[in-house]
Each structure stands twice: as structure tokens, then as C-alpha cells.
Amino acid sequence: MTQQQMVQQGKVSFGEALFSGTRQKVLGLLFGQPERSFFMNELIQLANSGSGSVQREVERLSSSGLLAVTQQGRQKSYQANHSSPIYAELCALIKKTIGPAQQLKSLFENTGEDVQLAILYGSVAKQTDRASSDIDLLIVSDTLTLEDLFNLLAPLENDLGRPVSPTLYTVAEFRDRKRAGNPFLARLLASDHIVLKGGVDGPTTTG
């Protein structure tokens, strides 16, 4: 199964409506991981949008005071400026519109019936994550394999610049483990989590 088969055409996201493609990626990297600094070559590689367009966006953000710029040897590093008067608001806006949760939600909403339930859990859901934190997912599907899932997530993983760690259950596995009080699943559902698609009481039948 190809990614094109799994992902259908979807609606315009909030991030797409508010920001251009390159700006989305640059803002998502810098304000989605505000404690992390990036060299220009890292931003160009992770944004995958062309060196010229990324450099222009970074220069605009730097000249406005939204980025803190530090000279490190022959290179400059760029980081979200914590002293900016709109730092907190911009971080919150980025998380809501183009942060990991929103991007994953948009992705899974366009997978049709291939994904019955998608849950974001762990440090990202708890908002205690750092730049090196994995993005933890629980996926319930009767049609996708782990290989399908990794292929589906790979472009987003690259855009976010962070590893995505999925756990995959079939509908029957999810139903049976939930009924049996499986320790891992019970802890997940009892802790902070974000349902990206479906409902925890929804996947009850197999195809």
C-alpha cells in the first residue's frame, strides 16, 4: 500500500491558511522546539524548501526580533527569542496550528478507514517534551502494517525534525487489551493524551 493510496485529498489546514509552506516549516521548527537552536544548514535540510526561501524567512524573523542569533565560530545559530513580547503567544499559535499534534491530526484525518483510532501520548501530549523527545503514537488499524505506518509518517518526521515512535494494534488487539486492563494501555488512557482520530470506545469490530 502506498502513501498516496492511504492519504486522500483533505481540507486546508489552519497552518496552510495562515502561513506559506516555507514559513510553516521554519516557524514549526523554531517555535515548535523553542529550546533548541539550529544552524542555517540544519534549517534548510529539515525544511526541505530550498536554501534561498529558508534563508529569506530566517532573515525576516531575525530582523523582527523573533529569533535570537548567536555567532558560533564561523556559523550563526538561530533560536526562538524567549525575550520577544509575543514569544509565548507565537509558541501557542504554532502548537495549535502547525505543531506535532495538529500536523498528525491532519495526516490521520485523510487516511479514510485505514486508521480507526490514533492517539498521541507521552511527553508531547503532556507538553513536557524537549527537542530530542520522541513523538509517541498509538494507532489502531486492521489494514496497515508497521511498514505502511513508517512510510506514512516519514515525511512528517522529517518536517518536524523529530523521531515518531508508533505502536500499532489491530481493532481486536485494542479491544481485548482494553477489556483486560492491559497495564500499558491503561496507563496511556489514564494519563494526558490527545485523540487525533476516532474514539477510544469506537474500535469494537474487525473487518
Protein backbone atom coordinates (compact mmCIF):
# COMPACT_ATOMS: atom_id res chain seq x y z
CA MET A 1 0.00 0.00 0.00
CA THR A 2 1.44 3.39 -0.99
CA GLN A 3 1.24 6.64 0.91
CA GLN A 4 -0.82 8.12 -1.93
CA GLN A 5 -3.37 5.32 -1.50
CA MET A 6 -3.58 5.90 2.24
CA VAL A 7 -3.80 9.69 2.18
CA GLN A 8 -6.71 11.27 0.39
CA GLN A 9 -7.15 14.92 -0.51
CA GLY A 10 -8.10 16.87 2.61
CA LYS A 11 -9.22 20.32 3.63
CA VAL A 12 -6.86 23.27 4.02
CA SER A 13 -5.30 23.25 7.49
CA PHE A 14 -5.09 26.27 9.80
CA GLY A 15 -1.35 26.39 9.23
CA GLU A 16 -1.78 26.40 5.45
CA ALA A 17 -4.36 29.19 5.69
CA LEU A 18 -2.12 31.35 7.90
CA PHE A 19 1.40 30.75 6.61
CA SER A 20 3.16 29.93 3.34
CA GLY A 21 4.68 26.46 3.02
CA THR A 22 8.26 27.53 3.78
CA ARG A 23 7.19 29.81 6.62
CA GLN A 24 5.15 26.99 8.14
CA LYS A 25 8.17 24.71 8.19
CA VAL A 26 10.60 27.32 9.55
CA LEU A 27 8.20 28.50 12.26
CA GLY A 28 7.29 24.93 13.12
CA LEU A 29 10.93 24.01 13.65
CA LEU A 30 11.94 27.12 15.62
CA PHE A 31 8.81 27.73 17.69
CA GLY A 32 7.72 24.11 17.86
CA GLN A 33 11.04 23.37 19.60
CA PRO A 34 11.80 26.75 21.22
CA GLU A 35 14.53 25.41 23.50
CA ARG A 36 16.58 24.18 20.53
CA SER A 37 18.94 26.22 18.37
CA PHE A 38 19.58 25.48 14.69
CA PHE A 39 22.33 26.29 12.24
CA MET A 40 21.15 27.56 8.88
CA ASN A 41 22.19 24.37 7.10
CA GLU A 42 20.08 22.35 9.57
CA LEU A 43 17.02 24.51 8.91
CA ILE A 44 17.49 24.22 5.16
CA GLN A 45 17.80 20.44 5.38
CA LEU A 46 14.85 19.97 7.73
CA ALA A 47 12.56 22.45 5.96
CA ASN A 48 13.37 20.89 2.59
CA SER A 49 12.15 24.02 0.85
CA GLY A 50 15.18 25.39 -0.96
CA SER A 51 18.06 27.30 0.59
CA GLY A 52 17.06 30.72 -0.72
CA SER A 53 13.49 30.66 0.60
CA VAL A 54 14.56 29.33 4.00
CA GLN A 55 17.30 31.95 4.33
CA ARG A 56 14.83 34.73 3.49
CA GLU A 57 12.34 33.52 6.10
CA VAL A 58 15.04 33.24 8.77
CA GLU A 59 16.33 36.73 7.92
CA ARG A 60 12.81 38.19 8.23
CA LEU A 61 12.24 36.51 11.57
CA SER A 62 15.67 37.57 12.84
CA SER A 63 15.27 41.20 11.76
CA SER A 64 11.90 41.39 13.52
CA GLY A 65 13.44 40.23 16.79
CA LEU A 66 11.55 36.95 16.86
CA LEU A 67 14.79 34.95 16.72
CA ALA A 68 17.88 35.07 18.91
CA VAL A 69 21.02 34.84 16.77
CA THR A 70 24.30 33.57 18.23
CA GLN A 71 27.66 33.52 16.49
CA GLN A 72 29.36 30.14 16.95
CA GLY A 73 32.70 30.12 15.21
CA ARG A 74 32.06 30.78 11.53
CA GLN A 75 28.38 29.91 11.77
CA LYS A 76 25.33 31.53 13.29
CA SER A 77 22.74 29.60 15.26
CA TYR A 78 19.09 30.59 15.41
CA GLN A 79 16.59 30.04 18.20
CA ALA A 80 13.18 31.34 19.17
CA ASN A 81 13.75 34.56 21.12
CA HIS A 82 12.35 33.98 24.58
CA SER A 83 12.55 37.74 25.25
CA SER A 84 10.23 38.66 22.39
CA PRO A 85 6.99 40.24 23.65
CA ILE A 86 4.96 37.78 21.56
CA TYR A 87 7.09 34.69 22.28
CA ALA A 88 4.51 32.85 24.41
CA GLU A 89 1.62 33.69 22.08
CA LEU A 90 3.55 32.63 18.98
CA CYS A 91 4.61 29.33 20.58
CA ALA A 92 0.99 28.64 21.50
CA LEU A 93 -0.22 29.54 17.99
CA ILE A 94 2.38 27.32 16.34
CA LYS A 95 1.50 24.38 18.58
CA LYS A 96 -2.20 24.79 17.80
CA THR A 97 -1.81 25.25 14.04
CA ILE A 98 1.38 23.54 12.85
CA GLY A 99 2.72 21.73 15.90
CA PRO A 100 3.07 17.93 16.04
CA ALA A 101 -0.49 17.33 17.26
CA GLN A 102 -2.12 19.42 14.53
CA GLN A 103 0.05 18.00 11.75
CA LEU A 104 -0.62 14.44 12.88
CA LYS A 105 -4.34 15.15 13.19
CA SER A 106 -4.43 16.46 9.62
CA LEU A 107 -2.47 13.44 8.40
CA PHE A 108 -4.70 10.84 10.03
CA GLU A 109 -7.94 12.61 9.12
CA ASN A 110 -7.01 11.94 5.49
CA THR A 111 -6.37 8.20 5.82
CA GLY A 112 -10.01 7.17 5.36
CA GLU A 113 -10.90 3.89 7.05
CA ASP A 114 -7.29 2.69 7.18
CA VAL A 115 -6.87 4.26 10.64
CA GLN A 116 -9.72 3.76 13.10
CA LEU A 117 -8.03 5.33 16.11
CA ALA A 118 -4.93 7.49 16.54
CA ILE A 119 -3.75 8.69 19.94
CA LEU A 120 -0.83 11.00 20.75
CA TYR A 121 0.59 10.29 24.20
CA GLY A 122 3.77 10.74 26.21
CA SER A 123 5.74 13.94 26.69
CA VAL A 124 4.28 15.76 23.66
CA ALA A 125 0.72 15.23 24.92
CA LYS A 126 1.82 16.28 28.41
CA GLN A 127 3.64 19.33 26.97
CA THR A 128 6.83 18.32 28.77
CA ASP A 129 8.73 17.35 25.62
CA ARG A 130 12.16 18.54 24.59
CA ALA A 131 13.83 18.80 21.20
CA SER A 132 15.12 15.22 21.47
CA SER A 133 11.83 13.71 22.67
CA ASP A 134 10.15 11.05 20.56
CA ILE A 135 6.59 11.66 19.40
CA ASP A 136 4.65 8.67 20.76
CA LEU A 137 1.62 7.37 18.90
CA LEU A 138 -0.86 4.54 19.34
CA ILE A 139 -2.52 3.55 16.07
CA VAL A 140 -5.41 1.11 15.65
CA SER A 141 -5.80 -0.32 12.15
CA ASP A 142 -6.80 -3.59 10.54
CA THR A 143 -5.27 -2.73 7.17
CA LEU A 144 -1.93 -1.01 7.80
CA THR A 145 1.33 -2.77 8.60
CA LEU A 146 4.13 -1.17 10.59
CA GLU A 147 5.97 -0.67 7.31
CA ASP A 148 2.94 1.18 5.90
CA LEU A 149 2.82 3.30 9.03
CA PHE A 150 6.51 4.20 8.96
CA ASN A 151 6.21 5.14 5.27
CA LEU A 152 3.18 7.29 6.05
CA LEU A 153 4.93 9.07 8.92
CA ALA A 154 8.36 9.50 7.31
CA PRO A 155 7.70 12.86 5.55
CA LEU A 156 6.16 14.33 8.70
CA GLU A 157 9.01 13.00 10.82
CA ASN A 158 11.41 14.84 8.52
CA ASP A 159 9.36 18.05 8.64
CA LEU A 160 9.25 18.01 12.44
CA GLY A 161 12.91 17.07 12.78
CA ARG A 162 11.98 14.56 15.46
CA PRO A 163 11.54 10.78 15.63
CA VAL A 164 7.99 9.43 15.63
CA SER A 165 7.50 6.21 17.60
CA PRO A 166 4.26 4.39 16.68
CA THR A 167 2.67 1.41 18.41
CA LEU A 168 0.25 -0.47 16.16
CA TYR A 169 -2.74 -2.56 17.29
CA THR A 170 -5.44 -4.25 15.29
CA VAL A 171 -9.02 -3.47 16.31
CA ALA A 172 -9.26 -6.84 18.09
CA GLU A 173 -5.97 -6.29 19.93
CA PHE A 174 -7.06 -2.87 21.13
CA ARG A 175 -10.50 -4.11 22.20
CA ASP A 176 -9.16 -7.18 24.02
CA ARG A 177 -6.32 -5.36 25.79
CA LYS A 178 -8.61 -2.55 26.87
CA ARG A 179 -11.13 -5.03 28.31
CA ALA A 180 -8.37 -6.98 30.06
CA GLY A 181 -6.89 -3.86 31.65
CA ASN A 182 -3.55 -4.17 29.87
CA PRO A 183 -1.09 -2.15 32.03
CA PHE A 184 0.46 -0.19 29.15
CA LEU A 185 -2.90 0.71 27.63
CA ALA A 186 -4.46 1.50 31.00
CA ARG A 187 -1.60 3.88 31.87
CA LEU A 188 -1.82 5.54 28.46
CA LEU A 189 -5.56 6.15 28.69
CA ALA A 190 -5.31 7.34 32.31
CA SER A 191 -2.58 9.87 31.51
CA ASP A 192 -2.67 13.01 29.37
CA HIS A 193 -3.28 12.04 25.76
CA ILE A 194 -4.73 13.57 22.61
CA VAL A 195 -7.15 11.64 20.41
CA LEU A 196 -6.18 12.58 16.86
CA LYS A 197 -8.80 10.43 15.15
CA GLY A 198 -11.65 8.19 16.25
CA GLY A 199 -12.65 7.49 19.83
CA VAL A 200 -11.33 5.14 22.49
CA ASP A 201 -14.74 3.44 22.67
CA GLY A 202 -15.12 3.33 18.88
CA PRO A 203 -12.93 0.48 17.50
CA THR A 204 -15.01 -2.52 18.54
CA THR A 205 -15.37 -4.57 15.39
CA THR A 206 -12.97 -6.13 12.98
CA GLY A 207 -13.26 -6.02 9.23
